[in-house]
C-alpha atoms as a PDB file:
ATOM      1  CA  MET A   1       0.000   0.000   0.000  1.00  0.00           C
ATOM      2  CA  LYS A   2       1.384   3.401  -1.034  1.00  0.00           C
ATOM      3  CA  LYS A   3       2.380   5.678   1.833  1.00  0.00           C
ATOM      4  CA  LYS A   4       0.168   8.733   2.243  1.00  0.00           C
ATOM      5  CA  LEU A   5       1.723  12.116   1.540  1.00  0.00           C
ATOM      6  CA  ALA A   6       1.593  14.553   4.457  1.00  0.00           C
ATOM      7  CA  ASP A   7       2.920  18.000   5.330  1.00  0.00           C
ATOM      8  CA  SER A   8       4.859  19.070   8.429  1.00  0.00           C
ATOM      9  CA  TYR A   9       1.648  19.333  10.476  1.00  0.00           C
ATOM     10  CA  GLY A  10       0.279  15.907   9.610  1.00  0.00           C
ATOM     11  CA  ARG A  11      -2.264  17.038   7.023  1.00  0.00           C
ATOM     12  CA  GLU A  12      -2.655  14.487   4.235  1.00  0.00           C
ATOM     13  CA  VAL A  13      -2.027  16.143   0.857  1.00  0.00           C
ATOM     14  CA  ASN A  14      -3.591  14.162  -1.975  1.00  0.00           C
ATOM     15  CA  TYR A  15      -4.860  16.882  -4.323  1.00  0.00           C
ATOM     16  CA  LEU A  16      -2.984  18.897  -6.950  1.00  0.00           C
ATOM     17  CA  ARG A  17      -4.439  21.806  -8.898  1.00  0.00           C
ATOM     18  CA  ILE A  18      -2.569  22.539 -12.130  1.00  0.00           C
ATOM     19  CA  SER A  19      -3.273  25.780 -13.965  1.00  0.00           C
ATOM     20  CA  VAL A  20      -2.866  25.348 -17.719  1.00  0.00           C
ATOM     21  CA  THR A  21      -3.333  28.967 -18.817  1.00  0.00           C
ATOM     22  CA  GLU A  22      -3.595  32.492 -17.440  1.00  0.00           C
ATOM     23  CA  GLN A  23      -5.853  33.604 -20.290  1.00  0.00           C
ATOM     24  CA  CYS A  24      -9.622  33.864 -19.897  1.00  0.00           C
ATOM     25  CA  ASN A  25     -12.508  34.682 -22.228  1.00  0.00           C
ATOM     26  CA  LEU A  26     -14.349  36.516 -19.452  1.00  0.00           C
ATOM     27  CA  SER A  27     -13.175  39.457 -17.362  1.00  0.00           C
ATOM     28  CA  CYS A  28     -14.943  39.158 -14.001  1.00  0.00           C
ATOM     29  CA  PHE A  29     -14.314  42.338 -12.037  1.00  0.00           C
ATOM     30  CA  TYR A  30     -13.300  40.584  -8.799  1.00  0.00           C
ATOM     31  CA  CYS A  31     -10.890  38.218 -10.536  1.00  0.00           C
ATOM     32  CA  ARG A  32      -8.880  40.587 -12.714  1.00  0.00           C
ATOM     33  CA  THR A  33      -7.083  43.608 -11.314  1.00  0.00           C
ATOM     34  CA  ASP A  34      -5.048  46.515 -12.657  1.00  0.00           C
ATOM     35  CA  PRO A  35      -1.603  46.228 -11.049  1.00  0.00           C
ATOM     36  CA  ALA A  36       1.101  45.151 -13.488  1.00  0.00           C
ATOM     37  CA  SER A  37       2.169  42.346 -11.156  1.00  0.00           C
ATOM     38  CA  CYS A  38      -1.247  40.763 -11.613  1.00  0.00           C
ATOM     39  CA  SER A  39      -1.315  40.896 -15.412  1.00  0.00           C
ATOM     40  CA  PRO A  40      -1.202  37.599 -17.318  1.00  0.00           C
ATOM     41  CA  GLY A  41       2.296  36.445 -18.172  1.00  0.00           C
ATOM     42  CA  PRO A  42       3.536  35.640 -21.688  1.00  0.00           C
ATOM     43  CA  GLU A  43       1.939  32.488 -23.077  1.00  0.00           C
ATOM     44  CA  GLU A  44       5.342  31.201 -24.214  1.00  0.00           C
ATOM     45  CA  LEU A  45       6.350  30.803 -20.551  1.00  0.00           C
ATOM     46  CA  LEU A  46       3.465  28.477 -19.800  1.00  0.00           C
ATOM     47  CA  LEU A  47       3.924  24.778 -19.147  1.00  0.00           C
ATOM     48  CA  SER A  48       3.692  22.519 -22.184  1.00  0.00           C
ATOM     49  CA  ALA A  49       1.433  19.460 -22.338  1.00  0.00           C
ATOM     50  CA  THR A  50       4.482  17.238 -21.845  1.00  0.00           C
ATOM     51  CA  GLU A  51       5.674  19.239 -18.828  1.00  0.00           C
ATOM     52  CA  ILE A  52       2.216  19.090 -17.245  1.00  0.00           C
ATOM     53  CA  PHE A  53       2.238  15.312 -17.733  1.00  0.00           C
ATOM     54  CA  VAL A  54       5.641  14.930 -16.055  1.00  0.00           C
ATOM     55  CA  ILE A  55       4.490  17.082 -13.100  1.00  0.00           C
ATOM     56  CA  GLY A  56       1.356  14.945 -12.807  1.00  0.00           C
ATOM     57  CA  GLN A  57       3.406  11.746 -12.890  1.00  0.00           C
ATOM     58  CA  ALA A  58       5.702  13.010 -10.133  1.00  0.00           C
ATOM     59  CA  ALA A  59       2.748  14.067  -7.978  1.00  0.00           C
ATOM     60  CA  VAL A  60       0.977  10.721  -8.286  1.00  0.00           C
ATOM     61  CA  GLU A  61       4.181   8.779  -7.627  1.00  0.00           C
ATOM     62  CA  LEU A  62       4.544  10.784  -4.408  1.00  0.00           C
ATOM     63  CA  GLY A  63       1.053   9.818  -3.291  1.00  0.00           C
ATOM     64  CA  MET A  64      -1.373  12.375  -4.721  1.00  0.00           C
ATOM     65  CA  THR A  65      -4.516  10.782  -6.120  1.00  0.00           C
ATOM     66  CA  ARG A  66      -6.501  13.729  -7.500  1.00  0.00           C
ATOM     67  CA  ILE A  67      -5.649  16.350 -10.116  1.00  0.00           C
ATOM     68  CA  ARG A  68      -7.754  19.309 -11.220  1.00  0.00           C
ATOM     69  CA  LEU A  69      -7.022  21.405 -14.312  1.00  0.00           C
ATOM     70  CA  THR A  70      -7.679  25.117 -13.823  1.00  0.00           C
ATOM     71  CA  GLY A  71      -6.891  28.533 -15.301  1.00  0.00           C
ATOM     72  CA  GLY A  72      -7.678  31.224 -16.461  1.00  0.00           C
ATOM     73  CA  GLU A  73     -10.027  29.305 -18.692  1.00  0.00           C
ATOM     74  CA  PRO A  74      -8.514  25.863 -19.384  1.00  0.00           C
ATOM     75  CA  LEU A  75     -10.734  25.239 -22.406  1.00  0.00           C
ATOM     76  CA  LEU A  76      -8.828  28.004 -24.211  1.00  0.00           C
ATOM     77  CA  ARG A  77      -5.797  25.693 -24.375  1.00  0.00           C
ATOM     78  CA  PRO A  78      -5.772  24.208 -27.910  1.00  0.00           C
ATOM     79  CA  ASP A  79      -4.182  21.051 -26.471  1.00  0.00           C
ATOM     80  CA  ILE A  80      -6.474  20.653 -23.450  1.00  0.00           C
ATOM     81  CA  LEU A  81      -7.703  17.245 -24.674  1.00  0.00           C
ATOM     82  CA  GLU A  82      -4.122  16.035 -25.080  1.00  0.00           C
ATOM     83  CA  ILE A  83      -3.341  17.243 -21.553  1.00  0.00           C
ATOM     84  CA  ALA A  84      -6.387  15.397 -20.191  1.00  0.00           C
ATOM     85  CA  ARG A  85      -5.611  12.186 -22.081  1.00  0.00           C
ATOM     86  CA  ASN A  86      -2.007  12.198 -20.862  1.00  0.00           C
ATOM     87  CA  LEU A  87      -2.924  12.719 -17.225  1.00  0.00           C
ATOM     88  CA  SER A  88      -5.851  10.295 -17.204  1.00  0.00           C
ATOM     89  CA  GLY A  89      -3.480   7.506 -18.212  1.00  0.00           C
ATOM     90  CA  ILE A  90      -1.272   7.864 -15.114  1.00  0.00           C
ATOM     91  CA  ALA A  91      -1.452   4.702 -13.020  1.00  0.00           C
ATOM     92  CA  GLY A  92      -2.683   5.509  -9.515  1.00  0.00           C
ATOM     93  CA  LEU A  93      -4.560   8.685 -10.409  1.00  0.00           C
ATOM     94  CA  GLN A  94      -8.085   8.255  -9.084  1.00  0.00           C
ATOM     95  CA  ASP A  95      -9.754  11.476 -10.144  1.00  0.00           C
ATOM     96  CA  LEU A  96      -9.148  13.985 -12.945  1.00  0.00           C
ATOM     97  CA  SER A  97     -11.411  17.039 -13.025  1.00  0.00           C
ATOM     98  CA  LEU A  98     -11.556  20.515 -14.532  1.00  0.00           C
ATOM     99  CA  THR A  99     -12.766  23.974 -13.533  1.00  0.00           C
ATOM    100  CA  THR A 100     -14.260  26.147 -16.275  1.00  0.00           C
ATOM    101  CA  ASN A 101     -16.460  29.197 -16.743  1.00  0.00           C
ATOM    102  CA  GLY A 102     -18.628  27.056 -19.034  1.00  0.00           C
ATOM    103  CA  ILE A 103     -18.587  29.350 -22.062  1.00  0.00           C
ATOM    104  CA  LEU A 104     -16.992  26.682 -24.296  1.00  0.00           C
ATOM    105  CA  LEU A 105     -18.359  23.650 -22.480  1.00  0.00           C
ATOM    106  CA  GLU A 106     -21.291  22.947 -24.798  1.00  0.00           C
ATOM    107  CA  GLU A 107     -18.934  22.094 -27.660  1.00  0.00           C
ATOM    108  CA  THR A 108     -16.322  20.244 -25.586  1.00  0.00           C
ATOM    109  CA  ALA A 109     -18.171  18.321 -22.845  1.00  0.00           C
ATOM    110  CA  PHE A 110     -18.308  14.940 -24.589  1.00  0.00           C
ATOM    111  CA  GLU A 111     -14.721  15.244 -25.821  1.00  0.00           C
ATOM    112  CA  LEU A 112     -13.554  16.028 -22.290  1.00  0.00           C
ATOM    113  CA  ALA A 113     -15.342  12.951 -20.970  1.00  0.00           C
ATOM    114  CA  ARG A 114     -13.737  10.767 -23.637  1.00  0.00           C
ATOM    115  CA  ALA A 115     -10.325  12.263 -22.786  1.00  0.00           C
ATOM    116  CA  GLY A 116     -10.643  11.127 -19.172  1.00  0.00           C
ATOM    117  CA  ILE A 117     -12.132  14.135 -17.343  1.00  0.00           C
ATOM    118  CA  LYS A 118     -14.515  12.699 -14.750  1.00  0.00           C
ATOM    119  CA  ARG A 119     -16.316  15.849 -13.605  1.00  0.00           C
ATOM    120  CA  VAL A 120     -16.321  19.620 -13.955  1.00  0.00           C
ATOM    121  CA  ASN A 121     -16.786  22.635 -11.733  1.00  0.00           C
ATOM    122  CA  ILE A 122     -18.393  25.660 -13.378  1.00  0.00           C
ATOM    123  CA  SER A 123     -17.826  29.193 -12.092  1.00  0.00           C
ATOM    124  CA  LEU A 124     -21.170  31.004 -12.371  1.00  0.00           C
ATOM    125  CA  ASP A 125     -22.032  34.072 -10.305  1.00  0.00           C
ATOM    126  CA  SER A 126     -25.466  35.047 -11.618  1.00  0.00           C
ATOM    127  CA  LEU A 127     -28.516  33.461 -13.234  1.00  0.00           C
ATOM    128  CA  ASP A 128     -29.724  36.835 -14.428  1.00  0.00           C
ATOM    129  CA  GLU A 129     -28.561  37.662 -17.948  1.00  0.00           C
ATOM    130  CA  ALA A 130     -27.928  41.360 -17.352  1.00  0.00           C
ATOM    131  CA  ASN A 131     -26.245  40.781 -14.002  1.00  0.00           C
ATOM    132  CA  PHE A 132     -24.059  38.041 -15.473  1.00  0.00           C
ATOM    133  CA  ALA A 133     -22.971  40.342 -18.287  1.00  0.00           C
ATOM    134  CA  GLN A 134     -22.101  43.080 -15.790  1.00  0.00           C
ATOM    135  CA  ILE A 135     -20.072  40.786 -13.500  1.00  0.00           C
ATOM    136  CA  THR A 136     -18.175  39.196 -16.401  1.00  0.00           C
ATOM    137  CA  CYS A 137     -17.841  42.356 -18.514  1.00  0.00           C
ATOM    138  CA  GLY A 138     -19.911  41.068 -21.412  1.00  0.00           C
ATOM    139  CA  GLY A 139     -20.258  37.294 -20.987  1.00  0.00           C
ATOM    140  CA  LYS A 140     -23.291  35.440 -22.374  1.00  0.00           C
ATOM    141  CA  LEU A 141     -25.207  33.508 -19.717  1.00  0.00           C
ATOM    142  CA  ALA A 142     -26.984  31.358 -22.324  1.00  0.00           C
ATOM    143  CA  ASN A 143     -23.662  29.790 -23.345  1.00  0.00           C
ATOM    144  CA  VAL A 144     -22.955  28.678 -19.777  1.00  0.00           C
ATOM    145  CA  LEU A 145     -26.450  27.251 -19.261  1.00  0.00           C
ATOM    146  CA  LYS A 146     -26.120  25.228 -22.469  1.00  0.00           C
ATOM    147  CA  GLY A 147     -22.729  24.038 -21.276  1.00  0.00           C
ATOM    148  CA  ILE A 148     -24.247  22.818 -18.000  1.00  0.00           C
ATOM    149  CA  ASP A 149     -26.902  20.839 -19.855  1.00  0.00           C
ATOM    150  CA  ARG A 150     -24.301  19.305 -22.154  1.00  0.00           C
ATOM    151  CA  ALA A 151     -21.957  18.387 -19.302  1.00  0.00           C
ATOM    152  CA  LEU A 152     -24.768  16.572 -17.491  1.00  0.00           C
ATOM    153  CA  LEU A 153     -25.544  14.617 -20.662  1.00  0.00           C
ATOM    154  CA  ALA A 154     -21.850  13.735 -20.985  1.00  0.00           C
ATOM    155  CA  GLY A 155     -21.840  12.284 -17.473  1.00  0.00           C
ATOM    156  CA  LEU A 156     -19.461  14.846 -15.960  1.00  0.00           C
ATOM    157  CA  VAL A 157     -21.082  14.495 -12.546  1.00  0.00           C
ATOM    158  CA  PRO A 158     -21.485  15.450  -9.847  1.00  0.00           C
ATOM    159  CA  LEU A 159     -21.353  18.794 -11.613  1.00  0.00           C
ATOM    160  CA  LYS A 160     -20.479  21.595  -9.214  1.00  0.00           C
ATOM    161  CA  ILE A 161     -21.456  25.229  -9.717  1.00  0.00           C
ATOM    162  CA  ASN A 162     -19.228  27.677  -7.841  1.00  0.00           C
ATOM    163  CA  VAL A 163     -20.888  30.958  -6.883  1.00  0.00           C
ATOM    164  CA  VAL A 164     -18.787  33.753  -5.377  1.00  0.00           C
ATOM    165  CA  LEU A 165     -21.220  35.533  -3.068  1.00  0.00           C
ATOM    166  CA  LEU A 166     -21.023  39.291  -3.647  1.00  0.00           C
ATOM    167  CA  LYS A 167     -22.917  41.688  -1.402  1.00  0.00           C
ATOM    168  CA  GLY A 168     -25.353  43.866  -3.310  1.00  0.00           C
ATOM    169  CA  ILE A 169     -24.606  42.093  -6.589  1.00  0.00           C
ATOM    170  CA  ASN A 170     -25.850  38.498  -6.489  1.00  0.00           C
ATOM    171  CA  ASP A 171     -27.016  37.932  -2.895  1.00  0.00           C
ATOM    172  CA  SER A 172     -30.613  38.369  -4.087  1.00  0.00           C
ATOM    173  CA  GLU A 173     -30.191  35.203  -6.200  1.00  0.00           C
ATOM    174  CA  ILE A 174     -29.459  32.767  -3.366  1.00  0.00           C
ATOM    175  CA  GLN A 175     -32.824  31.025  -3.576  1.00  0.00           C
ATOM    176  CA  LYS A 176     -32.643  30.838  -7.360  1.00  0.00           C
ATOM    177  CA  PHE A 177     -29.271  29.101  -7.197  1.00  0.00           C
ATOM    178  CA  ALA A 178     -30.358  26.771  -4.391  1.00  0.00           C
ATOM    179  CA  ALA A 179     -33.412  25.714  -6.394  1.00  0.00           C
ATOM    180  CA  LEU A 180     -31.122  24.360  -9.146  1.00  0.00           C
ATOM    181  CA  THR A 181     -30.308  21.423  -6.877  1.00  0.00           C
ATOM    182  CA  MET A 182     -33.898  20.200  -6.598  1.00  0.00           C
ATOM    183  CA  ASP A 183     -34.210  18.032  -9.701  1.00  0.00           C
ATOM    184  CA  ARG A 184     -30.716  17.672 -11.218  1.00  0.00           C
ATOM    185  CA  GLU A 185     -27.374  16.215 -10.125  1.00  0.00           C
ATOM    186  CA  LEU A 186     -25.904  19.628  -9.387  1.00  0.00           C
ATOM    187  CA  ASP A 187     -23.994  20.781  -6.342  1.00  0.00           C
ATOM    188  CA  VAL A 188     -24.249  24.553  -5.942  1.00  0.00           C
ATOM    189  CA  ARG A 189     -21.388  25.844  -3.790  1.00  0.00           C
ATOM    190  CA  PHE A 190     -21.385  29.369  -2.394  1.00  0.00           C
ATOM    191  CA  ILE A 191     -17.903  30.809  -1.824  1.00  0.00           C
ATOM    192  CA  GLU A 192     -16.953  33.841   0.249  1.00  0.00           C
ATOM    193  CA  TYR A 193     -15.324  36.648  -1.696  1.00  0.00           C
ATOM    194  CA  MET A 194     -11.580  36.761  -1.076  1.00  0.00           C
ATOM    195  CA  PRO A 195      -9.173  39.637  -1.692  1.00  0.00           C
ATOM    196  CA  THR A 196      -6.407  38.825  -4.160  1.00  0.00           C
ATOM    197  CA  CYS A 197      -3.598  40.898  -5.606  1.00  0.00           C
ATOM    198  CA  GLY A 198      -4.266  44.344  -4.215  1.00  0.00           C
ATOM    199  CA  GLN A 199      -8.028  43.994  -3.728  1.00  0.00           C
ATOM    200  CA  LYS A 200      -8.034  44.362   0.056  1.00  0.00           C
ATOM    201  CA  GLY A 201      -9.527  47.842  -0.256  1.00  0.00           C
ATOM    202  CA  LYS A 202     -12.560  46.413  -2.068  1.00  0.00           C
ATOM    203  CA  TRP A 203     -13.095  43.572   0.355  1.00  0.00           C
ATOM    204  CA  GLU A 204     -15.614  45.117   2.736  1.00  0.00           C
ATOM    205  CA  SER A 205     -17.676  46.469  -0.147  1.00  0.00           C
ATOM    206  CA  PHE A 206     -18.448  42.993  -1.466  1.00  0.00           C
ATOM    207  CA  PHE A 207     -17.831  40.538   1.377  1.00  0.00           C
ATOM    208  CA  LEU A 208     -20.810  38.704   2.829  1.00  0.00           C
ATOM    209  CA  SER A 209     -20.452  35.748   5.177  1.00  0.00           C
ATOM    210  CA  LEU A 210     -22.248  32.570   4.199  1.00  0.00           C
ATOM    211  CA  ASP A 211     -24.558  32.563   7.224  1.00  0.00           C
ATOM    212  CA  SER A 212     -27.301  34.060   5.055  1.00  0.00           C
ATOM    213  CA  ILE A 213     -27.264  31.061   2.692  1.00  0.00           C
ATOM    214  CA  ILE A 214     -28.831  28.690   5.227  1.00  0.00           C
ATOM    215  CA  LYS A 215     -31.602  31.148   6.009  1.00  0.00           C
ATOM    216  CA  GLU A 216     -32.466  31.942   2.385  1.00  0.00           C
ATOM    217  CA  ALA A 217     -32.187  28.377   1.068  1.00  0.00           C
ATOM    218  CA  GLY A 218     -34.306  27.144   3.960  1.00  0.00           C
ATOM    219  CA  LYS A 219     -37.230  29.159   2.620  1.00  0.00           C
ATOM    220  CA  ILE A 220     -37.478  26.686  -0.283  1.00  0.00           C
ATOM    221  CA  ALA A 221     -37.491  23.498   1.811  1.00  0.00           C
ATOM    222  CA  PRO A 222     -35.989  22.214   5.060  1.00  0.00           C
ATOM    223  CA  LEU A 223     -32.193  21.856   4.910  1.00  0.00           C
ATOM    224  CA  ILE A 224     -30.463  18.660   5.990  1.00  0.00           C
ATOM    225  CA  ALA A 225     -26.727  18.512   6.741  1.00  0.00           C
ATOM    226  CA  VAL A 226     -24.927  15.952   4.552  1.00  0.00           C
ATOM    227  CA  GLU A 227     -21.963  14.186   6.099  1.00  0.00           C
ATOM    228  CA  GLY A 228     -19.002  12.764   4.187  1.00  0.00           C
ATOM    229  CA  GLU A 229     -15.853  13.933   2.413  1.00  0.00           C
ATOM    230  CA  HIS A 230     -17.556  14.893  -0.883  1.00  0.00           C
ATOM    231  CA  GLY A 231     -14.263  14.618  -2.745  1.00  0.00           C
ATOM    232  CA  GLY A 232     -12.132  15.883   0.118  1.00  0.00           C
ATOM    233  CA  GLY A 233     -12.759  19.559  -0.580  1.00  0.00           C
ATOM    234  CA  PRO A 234     -13.375  22.435   1.841  1.00  0.00           C
ATOM    235  CA  ALA A 235     -17.160  22.708   1.486  1.00  0.00           C
ATOM    236  CA  SER A 236     -19.742  21.911   4.153  1.00  0.00           C
ATOM    237  CA  TYR A 237     -22.757  20.369   2.423  1.00  0.00           C
ATOM    238  CA  TYR A 238     -26.513  20.485   2.904  1.00  0.00           C
ATOM    239  CA  ARG A 239     -29.424  19.103   0.945  1.00  0.00           C
ATOM    240  CA  LEU A 240     -32.850  20.628   0.503  1.00  0.00           C
ATOM    241  CA  GLU A 241     -35.437  18.061   1.524  1.00  0.00           C
ATOM    242  CA  GLY A 242     -36.299  16.021  -1.571  1.00  0.00           C
ATOM    243  CA  ALA A 243     -33.471  17.484  -3.673  1.00  0.00           C
ATOM    244  CA  VAL A 244     -31.225  15.482  -5.999  1.00  0.00           C
ATOM    245  CA  GLY A 245     -28.202  17.779  -5.653  1.00  0.00           C
ATOM    246  CA  LYS A 246     -26.550  19.521  -2.709  1.00  0.00           C
ATOM    247  CA  ILE A 247     -25.714  23.021  -1.464  1.00  0.00           C
ATOM    248  CA  GLY A 248     -22.126  23.641  -0.397  1.00  0.00           C
ATOM    249  CA  LEU A 249     -20.615  26.422   1.707  1.00  0.00           C
ATOM    250  CA  ILE A 250     -16.942  27.362   1.298  1.00  0.00           C
ATOM    251  CA  SER A 251     -15.808  29.960   3.827  1.00  0.00           C
ATOM    252  CA  PRO A 252     -12.062  30.682   3.553  1.00  0.00           C
ATOM    253  CA  LEU A 253     -12.394  33.837   5.637  1.00  0.00           C
ATOM    254  CA  SER A 254     -15.110  33.581   8.280  1.00  0.00           C
ATOM    255  CA  ARG A 255     -14.545  29.867   9.014  1.00  0.00           C
ATOM    256  CA  HIS A 256     -11.210  28.960   7.499  1.00  0.00           C
ATOM    257  CA  PHE A 257     -10.380  25.310   6.829  1.00  0.00           C
ATOM    258  CA  CYS A 258      -6.576  25.476   6.971  1.00  0.00           C
ATOM    259  CA  ASP A 259      -6.442  22.633   9.485  1.00  0.00           C
ATOM    260  CA  ARG A 260      -7.656  20.238   6.789  1.00  0.00           C
ATOM    261  CA  CYS A 261      -5.992  21.727   3.701  1.00  0.00           C
ATOM    262  CA  ASN A 262      -5.172  18.809   1.407  1.00  0.00           C
ATOM    263  CA  ARG A 263      -3.769  20.545  -1.678  1.00  0.00           C
ATOM    264  CA  LEU A 264      -0.924  22.127  -3.540  1.00  0.00           C
ATOM    265  CA  ARG A 265      -1.158  24.340  -6.604  1.00  0.00           C
ATOM    266  CA  VAL A 266       1.044  24.611  -9.674  1.00  0.00           C
ATOM    267  CA  THR A 267       0.718  27.867 -11.606  1.00  0.00           C
ATOM    268  CA  ALA A 268       0.591  27.948 -15.386  1.00  0.00           C
ATOM    269  CA  ASP A 269       4.153  29.280 -15.507  1.00  0.00           C
ATOM    270  CA  GLY A 270       5.515  26.395 -13.475  1.00  0.00           C
ATOM    271  CA  ARG A 271       5.611  27.419  -9.823  1.00  0.00           C
ATOM    272  CA  ILE A 272       4.282  25.524  -6.823  1.00  0.00           C
ATOM    273  CA  LYS A 273       2.135  27.560  -4.433  1.00  0.00           C
ATOM    274  CA  PRO A 274       2.045  25.877  -1.016  1.00  0.00           C
ATOM    275  CA  CYS A 275      -0.706  28.232   0.213  1.00  0.00           C
ATOM    276  CA  LEU A 276      -3.245  30.420  -1.566  1.00  0.00           C
ATOM    277  CA  PHE A 277      -2.798  33.180   1.034  1.00  0.00           C
ATOM    278  CA  SER A 278       0.999  33.224   0.816  1.00  0.00           C
ATOM    279  CA  SER A 279       3.368  34.847  -1.685  1.00  0.00           C
ATOM    280  CA  GLU A 280       5.831  31.938  -1.345  1.00  0.00           C
ATOM    281  CA  GLU A 281       6.408  29.972  -4.549  1.00  0.00           C
ATOM    282  CA  ILE A 282       8.787  27.204  -5.573  1.00  0.00           C
ATOM    283  CA  ASP A 283      10.036  27.263  -9.149  1.00  0.00           C
ATOM    284  CA  LEU A 284       9.834  24.041 -11.150  1.00  0.00           C
ATOM    285  CA  ARG A 285      11.064  25.368 -14.472  1.00  0.00           C
ATOM    286  CA  ASP A 286      14.702  24.285 -14.087  1.00  0.00           C
ATOM    287  CA  CYS A 287      13.815  20.648 -13.365  1.00  0.00           C
ATOM    288  CA  LEU A 288      10.881  19.841 -15.630  1.00  0.00           C
ATOM    289  CA  LYS A 289      12.729  16.953 -17.294  1.00  0.00           C
ATOM    290  CA  ASP A 290      13.589  15.249 -14.006  1.00  0.00           C
ATOM    291  CA  ARG A 291      10.717  13.674 -12.058  1.00  0.00           C
ATOM    292  CA  GLU A 292      12.854  13.031  -8.986  1.00  0.00           C
ATOM    293  CA  LYS A 293      13.809  16.701  -8.738  1.00  0.00           C
ATOM    294  CA  ILE A 294      10.158  17.659  -9.191  1.00  0.00           C
ATOM    295  CA  LYS A 295       9.302  15.372  -6.278  1.00  0.00           C
ATOM    296  CA  ASP A 296      11.947  17.108  -4.172  1.00  0.00           C
ATOM    297  CA  ARG A 297      10.326  20.483  -4.949  1.00  0.00           C
ATOM    298  CA  PHE A 298       6.927  19.106  -3.916  1.00  0.00           C
ATOM    299  CA  ARG A 299       8.450  17.869  -0.658  1.00  0.00           C
ATOM    300  CA  GLU A 300       9.907  21.334  -0.099  1.00  0.00           C
ATOM    301  CA  ALA A 301       6.461  22.845  -0.677  1.00  0.00           C
ATOM    302  CA  LEU A 302       4.989  20.491   1.928  1.00  0.00           C
ATOM    303  CA  ARG A 303       7.632  21.592   4.434  1.00  0.00           C
ATOM    304  CA  ILE A 304       6.705  25.257   4.086  1.00  0.00           C
ATOM    305  CA  LYS A 305       2.916  24.963   4.114  1.00  0.00           C
ATOM    306  CA  PRO A 306       1.850  27.349   6.909  1.00  0.00           C
ATOM    307  CA  ASP A 307       1.049  26.274  10.441  1.00  0.00           C
ATOM    308  CA  PRO A 308      -2.781  26.036  10.660  1.00  0.00           C
ATOM    309  CA  GLY A 309      -2.569  26.951  14.331  1.00  0.00           C
ATOM    310  CA  LYS A 310      -1.368  30.457  13.427  1.00  0.00           C
ATOM    311  CA  VAL A 311      -4.227  31.326  11.083  1.00  0.00           C
ATOM    312  CA  ALA A 312      -6.502  34.180  12.162  1.00  0.00           C
ATOM    313  CA  CYS A 313     -10.037  33.321  13.194  1.00  0.00           C
ATOM    314  CA  SER A 314     -11.987  36.427  12.158  1.00  0.00           C
ATOM    315  CA  ALA A 315     -12.688  37.320   8.540  1.00  0.00           C
ATOM    316  CA  LEU A 316     -11.143  40.777   8.957  1.00  0.00           C
ATOM    317  CA  ASP A 317      -7.929  39.388  10.449  1.00  0.00           C
ATOM    318  CA  ARG A 318      -7.824  36.691   7.762  1.00  0.00           C
ATOM    319  CA  VAL A 319      -7.880  39.362   5.064  1.00  0.00           C
ATOM    320  CA  GLY A 320      -4.908  41.004   6.767  1.00  0.00           C
ATOM    321  CA  GLN A 321      -2.994  37.738   6.479  1.00  0.00           C
ATOM    322  CA  PHE A 322      -3.328  37.591   2.699  1.00  0.00           C
ATOM    323  CA  LYS A 323       0.135  38.028   1.175  1.00  0.00           C
ATOM    324  CA  GLY A 324      -0.479  36.788  -2.373  1.00  0.00           C
ATOM    325  CA  ASN A 325       0.863  38.783  -5.309  1.00  0.00           C
ATOM    326  CA  ARG A 326      -1.143  37.182  -8.122  1.00  0.00           C
ATOM    327  CA  SER A 327      -4.706  37.603  -9.338  1.00  0.00           C
ATOM    328  CA  MET A 328      -6.895  34.494  -9.377  1.00  0.00           C
ATOM    329  CA  THR A 329      -6.357  34.053 -13.112  1.00  0.00           C
ATOM    330  CA  ARG A 330      -2.624  33.798 -12.406  1.00  0.00           C
ATOM    331  CA  ILE A 331      -3.039  31.375  -9.504  1.00  0.00           C
ATOM    332  CA  GLY A 332      -5.508  28.881 -10.896  1.00  0.00           C
ATOM    333  CA  GLY A 333      -8.155  29.326  -8.179  1.00  0.00           C
END
């Protein structure tokens, strides 16, 4: 039996998020920012399909069992199917998934399934066409809704919809989102807004704790807590009575989950991020042809993952601890 991979504080780390691009076909206001340090890097510096495969091999050989492809928008990569096919063939990998904004999902869902993607997460912050266009700076909601339908047909389930809760912008849509779980295999997950790359000044304008979700969703039907790992992620899950899908709450600020963090991230330009809230990165670019050296870099990342006992408890203090210097499109979520 393969030994489990753990960090310095005993947390099992079995999940790797690999960003495949910093480019995106939407421009959500809370995700992109103006500072030059947050601007997308040159595409020629991004990891190749072969390099992503070697990183995935090294991670699985160390003991990781789950890989998620992120971005930017990963479906903008012309070779995304090659990347998926390569990774899905790694012996010992138990789960390969992808996060997308859904704009291109209608035309790619079945191909992704055939390439080995097991399930998708879709970032969707409004079910109102005008509101969606405003949040995304011109995106078409109809494209995403068609993508959801197509992904369900392709068997990319459980399909998870990630909703960043934004005060005064989409908090009036909580019930509408929750109702999506009633008759389809959808998990709708509400996520607290986090400051990234110079956005601390905007935080209080948009932040809303997830306490309101339980109250609003409960107006549709009684809510029942759902136990279990649900893929080992950070969400706490509930189910509306009689619903097929679930409602998830992800609260990185008001109720942080650092004590059970099970992941590492690799950015699209080849750097390991041990912690989303930290500016520390470990460069992989000088060892991408050597799996053993890549493993050593992963071990180094595990050694420097922050002490969960030193993480602030209040949302305001947690914001003050954010030291990241990349926008979400440059991190991979």
